[in-house]
Amino acid sequence: MHFSAFKTFLKLIFPSTLPRLFSALRISMGISISVLFFAENYATTYGIGYYIMNSWSMVNYENMFAGILAIAILGMVLYGSIDWLERRLCRWLFLNSQEPLHYKKTQLSQLEKVRFLIDIMPVVFQKPKTRHKRRLI
């Protein structure tokens, strides 16, 4: 098949980048919500971040938790919309399953988990090598 450069991009390159693009969107969405909270907390006198911190400083915990719940719901709605969009645009990832193929993890038994921890313990608790300091004259 002979495609033009635009059709090659549209039919081959762009769809192959979509799963990674959605992963990047999920990560950046979490960071953006936390930046939103801190920016509103310190830079303005309005917004959900200011509302939470103002309620906390005035010992109004009901309003503080209501603001926290609002941010949590905002995050869940954004995450759900990205999931929905991924299901619509990357249908090949969800062949006969609810979970994307690249998200599936192998289920380890308890014995395999313990063996993994035993194997990794010497590496984790290894003493660091010390270097001798040179004395300057």
Protein backbone atom coordinates (compact mmCIF):
# COMPACT_ATOMS: atom_id res chain seq x y z
CA MET A 1 0.00 0.00 0.00
CA HIS A 2 1.23 3.41 -0.84
CA PHE A 3 0.12 6.16 1.55
CA SER A 4 0.93 9.81 1.50
CA ALA A 5 2.96 11.23 4.38
CA PHE A 6 -0.15 12.67 6.03
CA LYS A 7 -2.09 9.42 5.71
CA THR A 8 0.86 7.45 7.10
CA PHE A 9 0.93 9.77 10.09
CA LEU A 10 -2.85 9.65 10.55
CA LYS A 11 -3.29 5.89 10.17
CA LEU A 12 -0.05 4.49 11.57
CA ILE A 13 2.10 6.84 13.63
CA PHE A 14 -0.57 8.78 15.55
CA PRO A 15 -2.55 5.70 16.71
CA SER A 16 0.64 3.99 17.89
CA THR A 17 1.48 6.97 20.12
CA LEU A 18 -1.97 7.23 21.70
CA PRO A 19 -1.47 4.78 24.62
CA ARG A 20 1.65 6.62 25.78
CA LEU A 21 -0.06 9.94 25.26
CA PHE A 22 -2.90 8.88 27.55
CA SER A 23 -0.43 7.65 30.17
CA ALA A 24 1.29 11.03 30.05
CA LEU A 25 -2.10 12.75 30.37
CA ARG A 26 -2.91 10.75 33.50
CA ILE A 27 0.39 11.65 35.14
CA SER A 28 0.18 15.32 34.19
CA MET A 29 -3.42 15.50 35.38
CA GLY A 30 -2.39 14.44 38.90
CA ILE A 31 0.45 16.92 38.94
CA SER A 32 -1.77 19.71 37.64
CA ILE A 33 -4.36 19.17 40.36
CA SER A 34 -1.68 19.36 43.05
CA VAL A 35 -0.20 22.50 41.43
CA LEU A 36 -3.71 23.96 41.31
CA PHE A 37 -4.08 23.40 45.03
CA PHE A 38 -0.72 24.94 45.95
CA ALA A 39 -1.10 27.88 43.56
CA GLU A 40 -4.54 28.74 44.90
CA ASN A 41 -3.29 28.22 48.42
CA TYR A 42 -0.45 30.74 48.26
CA ALA A 43 -1.14 33.10 45.36
CA THR A 44 -4.81 34.04 45.57
CA THR A 45 -7.61 34.75 48.00
CA TYR A 46 -10.12 32.55 46.20
CA GLY A 47 -10.28 29.05 44.77
CA ILE A 48 -10.52 25.58 46.22
CA GLY A 49 -6.97 25.55 47.60
CA TYR A 50 -7.52 28.81 49.44
CA TYR A 51 -10.90 27.56 50.65
CA ILE A 52 -9.35 24.41 52.13
CA MET A 53 -6.50 26.21 53.87
CA ASN A 54 -8.74 29.04 55.10
CA SER A 55 -11.18 26.50 56.53
CA TRP A 56 -8.29 24.67 58.18
CA SER A 57 -6.91 27.83 59.77
CA MET A 58 -10.37 28.77 61.06
CA VAL A 59 -10.84 25.25 62.49
CA ASN A 60 -13.82 24.63 60.24
CA TYR A 61 -13.08 21.02 59.45
CA GLU A 62 -16.40 20.27 57.75
CA ASN A 63 -15.70 22.85 55.04
CA MET A 64 -12.08 21.77 54.81
CA PHE A 65 -13.05 18.16 54.11
CA ALA A 66 -15.74 19.33 51.69
CA GLY A 67 -13.03 21.12 49.71
CA ILE A 68 -10.79 18.06 49.82
CA LEU A 69 -13.70 15.96 48.62
CA ALA A 70 -14.32 18.44 45.78
CA ILE A 71 -10.70 18.13 44.62
CA ALA A 72 -10.95 14.33 44.85
CA ILE A 73 -14.13 14.30 42.77
CA LEU A 74 -12.50 16.62 40.23
CA GLY A 75 -9.57 14.22 39.94
CA MET A 76 -11.85 11.20 39.58
CA VAL A 77 -13.93 12.89 36.87
CA LEU A 78 -10.83 13.92 34.91
CA TYR A 79 -9.30 10.46 35.28
CA GLY A 80 -12.57 8.83 34.19
CA SER A 81 -12.84 11.10 31.16
CA ILE A 82 -9.29 10.21 30.10
CA ASP A 83 -10.13 6.52 30.55
CA TRP A 84 -13.30 6.91 28.48
CA LEU A 85 -11.41 8.72 25.75
CA GLU A 86 -8.73 6.02 25.72
CA ARG A 87 -11.38 3.31 25.40
CA ARG A 88 -12.87 5.19 22.45
CA LEU A 89 -9.65 5.93 20.60
CA CYS A 90 -7.56 2.84 21.45
CA ARG A 91 -10.05 0.04 20.98
CA TRP A 92 -7.33 -2.47 20.08
CA LEU A 93 -5.99 -2.31 23.64
CA PHE A 94 -9.24 -3.59 25.12
CA LEU A 95 -9.81 -6.74 23.12
CA ASN A 96 -12.32 -8.84 25.10
CA SER A 97 -11.35 -7.33 28.44
CA GLN A 98 -12.05 -4.31 30.60
CA GLU A 99 -8.38 -3.67 31.34
CA PRO A 100 -5.88 -2.52 28.71
CA LEU A 101 -3.45 -5.18 27.55
CA HIS A 102 -0.42 -3.17 28.66
CA TYR A 103 -1.88 -2.74 32.19
CA LYS A 104 -2.23 -6.44 32.94
CA LYS A 105 0.15 -7.57 35.62
CA THR A 106 1.08 -11.08 36.55
CA GLN A 107 -0.43 -12.25 39.80
CA LEU A 108 2.25 -13.54 42.14
CA SER A 109 1.49 -16.00 44.87
CA GLN A 110 2.54 -15.27 48.45
CA LEU A 111 5.43 -17.73 48.16
CA GLU A 112 6.73 -15.99 45.03
CA LYS A 113 6.51 -12.61 46.77
CA VAL A 114 8.49 -13.91 49.75
CA ARG A 115 11.11 -15.43 47.44
CA PHE A 116 11.43 -12.12 45.61
CA LEU A 117 11.90 -10.26 48.90
CA ILE A 118 14.51 -12.77 50.07
CA ASP A 119 16.37 -12.39 46.78
CA ILE A 120 16.37 -8.61 46.94
CA MET A 121 17.20 -8.25 50.67
CA PRO A 122 20.99 -8.52 50.34
CA VAL A 123 20.98 -5.78 47.73
CA VAL A 124 18.79 -3.45 49.79
CA PHE A 125 20.62 -3.88 53.10
CA GLN A 126 24.12 -3.95 51.68
CA LYS A 127 26.59 -1.68 53.46
CA PRO A 128 27.74 1.17 51.29
CA LYS A 129 31.37 1.13 50.31
CA THR A 130 33.30 3.84 52.09
CA ARG A 131 35.91 5.86 50.34
CA HIS A 132 38.94 7.15 52.07
CA LYS A 133 39.08 10.91 52.12
CA ARG A 134 42.27 12.49 50.93
CA ARG A 135 43.83 14.96 53.25
CA LEU A 136 44.68 18.28 51.78
CA ILE A 137 48.00 19.68 52.90
